[in-house]
PDB file of N, CA and C in Angstrom:
ATOM      1  N   MET A   1     -42.400  38.193 111.661  1.00  0.00           N
ATOM      2  CA  MET A   1     -42.663  36.942 112.329  1.00  0.00           C
ATOM      3  C   MET A   1     -41.397  36.511 113.060  1.00  0.00           C
ATOM      4  N   GLU A   2     -41.544  36.166 114.341  1.00  0.00           N
ATOM      5  CA  GLU A   2     -40.341  35.800 115.086  1.00  0.00           C
ATOM      6  C   GLU A   2     -39.936  34.347 114.891  1.00  0.00           C
ATOM      7  N   ILE A   3     -40.869  33.434 114.716  1.00  0.00           N
ATOM      8  CA  ILE A   3     -40.531  32.011 114.649  1.00  0.00           C
ATOM      9  C   ILE A   3     -41.008  31.412 113.330  1.00  0.00           C
ATOM     10  N   ARG A   4     -40.103  30.664 112.681  1.00  0.00           N
ATOM     11  CA  ARG A   4     -40.449  29.846 111.515  1.00  0.00           C
ATOM     12  C   ARG A   4     -39.991  28.428 111.826  1.00  0.00           C
ATOM     13  N   ILE A   5     -40.777  27.441 111.441  1.00  0.00           N
ATOM     14  CA  ILE A   5     -40.437  26.045 111.708  1.00  0.00           C
ATOM     15  C   ILE A   5     -40.460  25.280 110.396  1.00  0.00           C
ATOM     16  N   ARG A   6     -39.416  24.457 110.194  1.00  0.00           N
ATOM     17  CA  ARG A   6     -39.327  23.620 108.996  1.00  0.00           C
ATOM     18  C   ARG A   6     -39.104  22.177 109.424  1.00  0.00           C
ATOM     19  N   LEU A   7     -39.878  21.265 108.846  1.00  0.00           N
ATOM     20  CA  LEU A   7     -39.698  19.839 109.099  1.00  0.00           C
ATOM     21  C   LEU A   7     -38.896  19.244 107.957  1.00  0.00           C
ATOM     22  N   SER A   8     -38.023  18.305 108.276  1.00  0.00           N
ATOM     23  CA  SER A   8     -37.186  17.679 107.263  1.00  0.00           C
ATOM     24  C   SER A   8     -37.461  16.183 107.216  1.00  0.00           C
ATOM     25  N   ARG A   9     -38.393  15.781 106.381  1.00  0.00           N
ATOM     26  CA  ARG A   9     -38.723  14.375 106.134  1.00  0.00           C
ATOM     27  C   ARG A   9     -38.897  13.556 107.409  1.00  0.00           C
ATOM     28  N   GLY A  10     -39.455  14.169 108.414  1.00  0.00           N
ATOM     29  CA  GLY A  10     -39.726  13.450 109.645  1.00  0.00           C
ATOM     30  C   GLY A  10     -38.515  13.094 110.476  1.00  0.00           C
ATOM     31  N   LYS A  11     -37.340  13.653 110.123  1.00  0.00           N
ATOM     32  CA  LYS A  11     -36.114  13.317 110.844  1.00  0.00           C
ATOM     33  C   LYS A  11     -35.610  14.454 111.718  1.00  0.00           C
ATOM     34  N   SER A  12     -36.008  15.666 111.399  1.00  0.00           N
ATOM     35  CA  SER A  12     -35.531  16.802 112.191  1.00  0.00           C
ATOM     36  C   SER A  12     -36.498  17.980 112.079  1.00  0.00           C
ATOM     37  N   ILE A  13     -36.357  18.878 113.042  1.00  0.00           N
ATOM     38  CA  ILE A  13     -37.118  20.124 113.069  1.00  0.00           C
ATOM     39  C   ILE A  13     -36.108  21.259 113.106  1.00  0.00           C
ATOM     40  N   LYS A  14     -36.272  22.213 112.219  1.00  0.00           N
ATOM     41  CA  LYS A  14     -35.407  23.393 112.188  1.00  0.00           C
ATOM     42  C   LYS A  14     -36.244  24.589 112.618  1.00  0.00           C
ATOM     43  N   ILE A  15     -35.825  25.236 113.702  1.00  0.00           N
ATOM     44  CA  ILE A  15     -36.536  26.394 114.234  1.00  0.00           C
ATOM     45  C   ILE A  15     -35.688  27.620 113.939  1.00  0.00           C
ATOM     46  N   ILE A  16     -36.273  28.577 113.235  1.00  0.00           N
ATOM     47  CA  ILE A  16     -35.556  29.800 112.869  1.00  0.00           C
ATOM     48  C   ILE A  16     -36.199  30.956 113.621  1.00  0.00           C
ATOM     49  N   LEU A  17     -35.401  31.612 114.445  1.00  0.00           N
ATOM     50  CA  LEU A  17     -35.880  32.735 115.253  1.00  0.00           C
ATOM     51  C   LEU A  17     -35.291  34.024 114.711  1.00  0.00           C
ATOM     52  N   SER A  18     -36.096  35.070 114.676  1.00  0.00           N
ATOM     53  CA  SER A  18     -35.594  36.369 114.220  1.00  0.00           C
ATOM     54  C   SER A  18     -34.648  36.943 115.269  1.00  0.00           C
ATOM     55  N   GLY A  19     -34.018  38.045 114.958  1.00  0.00           N
ATOM     56  CA  GLY A  19     -33.060  38.674 115.858  1.00  0.00           C
ATOM     57  C   GLY A  19     -33.675  39.413 117.020  1.00  0.00           C
ATOM     58  N   ALA A  20     -34.988  39.418 117.126  1.00  0.00           N
ATOM     59  CA  ALA A  20     -35.672  40.095 118.236  1.00  0.00           C
ATOM     60  C   ALA A  20     -36.240  39.046 119.179  1.00  0.00           C
ATOM     61  N   GLY A  21     -36.541  39.439 120.384  1.00  0.00           N
ATOM     62  CA  GLY A  21     -37.183  38.525 121.325  1.00  0.00           C
ATOM     63  C   GLY A  21     -36.324  38.235 122.529  1.00  0.00           C
ATOM     64  N   ALA A  22     -36.877  37.411 123.415  1.00  0.00           N
ATOM     65  CA  ALA A  22     -36.196  37.073 124.669  1.00  0.00           C
ATOM     66  C   ALA A  22     -34.904  36.314 124.391  1.00  0.00           C
ATOM     67  N   GLN A  23     -33.888  36.566 125.195  1.00  0.00           N
ATOM     68  CA  GLN A  23     -32.602  35.892 125.020  1.00  0.00           C
ATOM     69  C   GLN A  23     -32.573  34.534 125.706  1.00  0.00           C
ATOM     70  N   ILE A  24     -33.445  34.325 126.681  1.00  0.00           N
ATOM     71  CA  ILE A  24     -33.561  33.050 127.385  1.00  0.00           C
ATOM     72  C   ILE A  24     -35.037  32.677 127.397  1.00  0.00           C
ATOM     73  N   GLY A  25     -35.332  31.394 127.165  1.00  0.00           N
ATOM     74  CA  GLY A  25     -36.733  31.009 127.223  1.00  0.00           C
ATOM     75  C   GLY A  25     -36.964  29.578 126.805  1.00  0.00           C
ATOM     76  N   ASP A  26     -38.231  29.198 126.799  1.00  0.00           N
ATOM     77  CA  ASP A  26     -38.641  27.842 126.476  1.00  0.00           C
ATOM     78  C   ASP A  26     -39.530  27.838 125.244  1.00  0.00           C
ATOM     79  N   LEU A  27     -39.388  26.784 124.470  1.00  0.00           N
ATOM     80  CA  LEU A  27     -40.261  26.515 123.336  1.00  0.00           C
ATOM     81  C   LEU A  27     -40.959  25.196 123.640  1.00  0.00           C
ATOM     82  N   PHE A  28     -42.235  25.100 123.325  1.00  0.00           N
ATOM     83  CA  PHE A  28     -42.996  23.889 123.617  1.00  0.00           C
ATOM     84  C   PHE A  28     -43.492  23.275 122.316  1.00  0.00           C
ATOM     85  N   PHE A  29     -43.421  21.931 122.243  1.00  0.00           N
ATOM     86  CA  PHE A  29     -43.826  21.198 121.052  1.00  0.00           C
ATOM     87  C   PHE A  29     -44.696  20.021 121.454  1.00  0.00           C
ATOM     88  N   HIS A  30     -45.588  19.657 120.546  1.00  0.00           N
ATOM     89  CA  HIS A  30     -46.360  18.425 120.689  1.00  0.00           C
ATOM     90  C   HIS A  30     -45.820  17.464 119.644  1.00  0.00           C
ATOM     91  N   SER A  31     -45.331  16.305 120.084  1.00  0.00           N
ATOM     92  CA  SER A  31     -44.778  15.321 119.160  1.00  0.00           C
ATOM     93  C   SER A  31     -44.954  13.928 119.742  1.00  0.00           C
ATOM     94  N   LYS A  32     -45.509  13.021 118.950  1.00  0.00           N
ATOM     95  CA  LYS A  32     -45.641  11.634 119.395  1.00  0.00           C
ATOM     96  C   LYS A  32     -44.294  10.925 119.368  1.00  0.00           C
ATOM     97  N   LYS A  33     -43.347  11.461 118.611  1.00  0.00           N
ATOM     98  CA  LYS A  33     -41.994  10.898 118.559  1.00  0.00           C
ATOM     99  C   LYS A  33     -41.079  11.709 119.469  1.00  0.00           C
ATOM    100  N   ALA A  34     -40.068  11.036 119.996  1.00  0.00           N
ATOM    101  CA  ALA A  34     -39.117  11.696 120.901  1.00  0.00           C
ATOM    102  C   ALA A  34     -38.312  12.759 120.161  1.00  0.00           C
ATOM    103  N   LEU A  35     -38.018  13.853 120.863  1.00  0.00           N
ATOM    104  CA  LEU A  35     -37.198  14.930 120.316  1.00  0.00           C
ATOM    105  C   LEU A  35     -35.868  14.966 121.053  1.00  0.00           C
ATOM    106  N   GLY A  36     -34.816  15.360 120.350  1.00  0.00           N
ATOM    107  CA  GLY A  36     -33.494  15.492 120.952  1.00  0.00           C
ATOM    108  C   GLY A  36     -32.824  16.760 120.476  1.00  0.00           C
ATOM    109  N   ALA A  37     -31.849  17.226 121.242  1.00  0.00           N
ATOM    110  CA  ALA A  37     -31.108  18.435 120.879  1.00  0.00           C
ATOM    111  C   ALA A  37     -30.201  18.147 119.692  1.00  0.00           C
ATOM    112  N   GLY A  38     -30.135  19.110 118.794  1.00  0.00           N
ATOM    113  CA  GLY A  38     -29.224  19.041 117.662  1.00  0.00           C
ATOM    114  C   GLY A  38     -28.295  20.237 117.710  1.00  0.00           C
ATOM    115  N   SER A  39     -27.879  20.687 116.571  1.00  0.00           N
ATOM    116  CA  SER A  39     -26.979  21.842 116.498  1.00  0.00           C
ATOM    117  C   SER A  39     -27.766  23.141 116.638  1.00  0.00           C
ATOM    118  N   SER A  40     -27.036  24.222 116.887  1.00  0.00           N
ATOM    119  CA  SER A  40     -27.672  25.536 116.961  1.00  0.00           C
ATOM    120  C   SER A  40     -26.690  26.599 116.501  1.00  0.00           C
ATOM    121  N   GLU A  41     -27.239  27.712 116.033  1.00  0.00           N
ATOM    122  CA  GLU A  41     -26.433  28.861 115.611  1.00  0.00           C
ATOM    123  C   GLU A  41     -26.943  30.099 116.328  1.00  0.00           C
ATOM    124  N   ASN A  42     -26.041  30.862 116.909  1.00  0.00           N
ATOM    125  CA  ASN A  42     -26.356  32.121 117.598  1.00  0.00           C
ATOM    126  C   ASN A  42     -27.288  31.938 118.788  1.00  0.00           C
ATOM    127  N   ALA A  43     -27.328  30.729 119.350  1.00  0.00           N
ATOM    128  CA  ALA A  43     -28.099  30.408 120.557  1.00  0.00           C
ATOM    129  C   ALA A  43     -27.588  29.070 121.073  1.00  0.00           C
ATOM    130  N   SER A  44     -27.951  28.727 122.291  1.00  0.00           N
ATOM    131  CA  SER A  44     -27.559  27.442 122.879  1.00  0.00           C
ATOM    132  C   SER A  44     -28.797  26.696 123.349  1.00  0.00           C
ATOM    133  N   ILE A  45     -28.805  25.385 123.128  1.00  0.00           N
ATOM    134  CA  ILE A  45     -29.876  24.540 123.635  1.00  0.00           C
ATOM    135  C   ILE A  45     -29.424  24.020 124.997  1.00  0.00           C
ATOM    136  N   LEU A  46     -30.144  24.380 126.051  1.00  0.00           N
ATOM    137  CA  LEU A  46     -29.804  23.900 127.394  1.00  0.00           C
ATOM    138  C   LEU A  46     -30.347  22.504 127.642  1.00  0.00           C
ATOM    139  N   SER A  47     -31.592  22.264 127.211  1.00  0.00           N
ATOM    140  CA  SER A  47     -32.189  20.951 127.451  1.00  0.00           C
ATOM    141  C   SER A  47     -33.398  20.731 126.559  1.00  0.00           C
ATOM    142  N   VAL A  48     -33.708  19.448 126.375  1.00  0.00           N
ATOM    143  CA  VAL A  48     -34.948  19.023 125.726  1.00  0.00           C
ATOM    144  C   VAL A  48     -35.589  18.047 126.706  1.00  0.00           C
ATOM    145  N   GLN A  49     -36.747  18.413 127.245  1.00  0.00           N
ATOM    146  CA  GLN A  49     -37.393  17.617 128.286  1.00  0.00           C
ATOM    147  C   GLN A  49     -38.716  17.042 127.815  1.00  0.00           C
ATOM    148  N   ASP A  50     -38.934  15.765 128.123  1.00  0.00           N
ATOM    149  CA  ASP A  50     -40.209  15.104 127.878  1.00  0.00           C
ATOM    150  C   ASP A  50     -41.128  15.431 129.053  1.00  0.00           C
ATOM    151  N   LEU A  51     -42.201  16.163 128.801  1.00  0.00           N
ATOM    152  CA  LEU A  51     -43.137  16.554 129.850  1.00  0.00           C
ATOM    153  C   LEU A  51     -44.291  15.568 130.005  1.00  0.00           C
ATOM    154  N   GLY A  52     -44.299  14.534 129.174  1.00  0.00           N
ATOM    155  CA  GLY A  52     -45.399  13.573 129.186  1.00  0.00           C
ATOM    156  C   GLY A  52     -46.509  14.006 128.247  1.00  0.00           C
ATOM    157  N   ASN A  53     -47.400  13.073 127.921  1.00  0.00           N
ATOM    158  CA  ASN A  53     -48.526  13.346 127.015  1.00  0.00           C
ATOM    159  C   ASN A  53     -48.083  13.955 125.690  1.00  0.00           C
ATOM    160  N   HIS A  54     -46.914  13.532 125.200  1.00  0.00           N
ATOM    161  CA  HIS A  54     -46.369  13.969 123.911  1.00  0.00           C
ATOM    162  C   HIS A  54     -45.976  15.447 123.882  1.00  0.00           C
ATOM    163  N   LEU A  55     -45.770  16.045 125.052  1.00  0.00           N
ATOM    164  CA  LEU A  55     -45.323  17.440 125.129  1.00  0.00           C
ATOM    165  C   LEU A  55     -43.831  17.482 125.423  1.00  0.00           C
ATOM    166  N   TRP A  56     -43.136  18.402 124.754  1.00  0.00           N
ATOM    167  CA  TRP A  56     -41.690  18.552 124.882  1.00  0.00           C
ATOM    168  C   TRP A  56     -41.358  20.011 125.148  1.00  0.00           C
ATOM    169  N   LYS A  57     -40.424  20.220 126.056  1.00  0.00           N
ATOM    170  CA  LYS A  57     -39.974  21.582 126.374  1.00  0.00           C
ATOM    171  C   LYS A  57     -38.513  21.714 125.970  1.00  0.00           C
ATOM    172  N   VAL A  58     -38.237  22.704 125.127  1.00  0.00           N
ATOM    173  CA  VAL A  58     -36.871  23.003 124.691  1.00  0.00           C
ATOM    174  C   VAL A  58     -36.466  24.310 125.358  1.00  0.00           C
ATOM    175  N   THR A  59     -35.432  24.248 126.188  1.00  0.00           N
ATOM    176  CA  THR A  59     -34.934  25.437 126.870  1.00  0.00           C
ATOM    177  C   THR A  59     -33.698  25.926 126.133  1.00  0.00           C
ATOM    178  N   GLN A  60     -33.720  27.206 125.772  1.00  0.00           N
ATOM    179  CA  GLN A  60     -32.592  27.787 125.041  1.00  0.00           C
ATOM    180  C   GLN A  60     -32.139  29.059 125.737  1.00  0.00           C
ATOM    181  N   LYS A  61     -30.888  29.431 125.493  1.00  0.00           N
ATOM    182  CA  LYS A  61     -30.357  30.673 126.058  1.00  0.00           C
ATOM    183  C   LYS A  61     -29.294  31.218 125.113  1.00  0.00           C
ATOM    184  N   GLY A  62     -28.819  32.393 125.433  1.00  0.00           N
ATOM    185  CA  GLY A  62     -27.701  32.975 124.701  1.00  0.00           C
ATOM    186  C   GLY A  62     -28.025  33.434 123.295  1.00  0.00           C
ATOM    187  N   ARG A  63     -29.284  33.778 123.051  1.00  0.00           N
ATOM    188  CA  ARG A  63     -29.619  34.287 121.724  1.00  0.00           C
ATOM    189  C   ARG A  63     -28.887  35.596 121.489  1.00  0.00           C
ATOM    190  N   ILE A  64     -28.239  35.685 120.370  1.00  0.00           N
ATOM    191  CA  ILE A  64     -27.503  36.895 120.013  1.00  0.00           C
ATOM    192  C   ILE A  64     -28.478  37.902 119.421  1.00  0.00           C
ATOM    193  N   TRP A  65     -28.524  39.076 120.024  1.00  0.00           N
ATOM    194  CA  TRP A  65     -29.435  40.133 119.610  1.00  0.00           C
ATOM    195  C   TRP A  65     -29.134  40.569 118.187  1.00  0.00           C
ATOM    196  N   ASN A  66     -30.173  40.815 117.414  1.00  0.00           N
ATOM    197  CA  ASN A  66     -30.088  41.344 116.058  1.00  0.00           C
ATOM    198  C   ASN A  66     -29.412  40.374 115.088  1.00  0.00           C
ATOM    199  N   ALA A  67     -29.473  39.082 115.392  1.00  0.00           N
ATOM    200  CA  ALA A  67     -28.953  38.051 114.495  1.00  0.00           C
ATOM    201  C   ALA A  67     -29.950  36.892 114.495  1.00  0.00           C
ATOM    202  N   GLN A  68     -30.178  36.312 113.348  1.00  0.00           N
ATOM    203  CA  GLN A  68     -31.072  35.162 113.251  1.00  0.00           C
ATOM    204  C   GLN A  68     -30.481  33.985 114.028  1.00  0.00           C
ATOM    205  N   GLN A  69     -31.323  33.249 114.743  1.00  0.00           N
ATOM    206  CA  GLN A  69     -30.876  32.063 115.451  1.00  0.00           C
ATOM    207  C   GLN A  69     -31.545  30.835 114.845  1.00  0.00           C
ATOM    208  N   ILE A  70     -30.791  29.743 114.814  1.00  0.00           N
ATOM    209  CA  ILE A  70     -31.317  28.487 114.285  1.00  0.00           C
ATOM    210  C   ILE A  70     -31.109  27.404 115.338  1.00  0.00           C
ATOM    211  N   ILE A  71     -32.175  26.698 115.652  1.00  0.00           N
ATOM    212  CA  ILE A  71     -32.124  25.590 116.596  1.00  0.00           C
ATOM    213  C   ILE A  71     -32.619  24.353 115.859  1.00  0.00           C
ATOM    214  N   ASN A  72     -31.819  23.301 115.866  1.00  0.00           N
ATOM    215  CA  ASN A  72     -32.183  22.051 115.212  1.00  0.00           C
ATOM    216  C   ASN A  72     -32.487  20.990 116.261  1.00  0.00           C
ATOM    217  N   LEU A  73     -33.587  20.291 116.071  1.00  0.00           N
ATOM    218  CA  LEU A  73     -33.977  19.191 116.943  1.00  0.00           C
ATOM    219  C   LEU A  73     -34.070  17.924 116.109  1.00  0.00           C
ATOM    220  N   SER A  74     -33.624  16.816 116.680  1.00  0.00           N
ATOM    221  CA  SER A  74     -33.769  15.541 115.987  1.00  0.00           C
ATOM    222  C   SER A  74     -35.098  14.909 116.391  1.00  0.00           C
ATOM    223  N   ILE A  75     -35.696  14.183 115.464  1.00  0.00           N
ATOM    224  CA  ILE A  75     -36.907  13.418 115.730  1.00  0.00           C
ATOM    225  C   ILE A  75     -36.479  11.961 115.760  1.00  0.00           C
ATOM    226  N   LYS A  76     -36.719  11.301 116.881  1.00  0.00           N
ATOM    227  CA  LYS A  76     -36.240   9.915 117.045  1.00  0.00           C
ATOM    228  C   LYS A  76     -37.341   8.911 116.782  1.00  0.00           C
TER     229      LYS A  76
END
């Protein structure tokens, strides 16, 4: 499985990506609450965009091949 998602008491989202997959790309989420960029490991968060209708686009890059990546988003 390439993506695992963990919620932390409604305050944050932790996205764990396996070491395989695209090095640059977008992740899409549906959330009634605003999302913001948090910390990341072995990848970079370029932006978190509100697309309207509770849709959010997270653009990431720089995923290190053959290493797990972690992207944290805050829930506001």
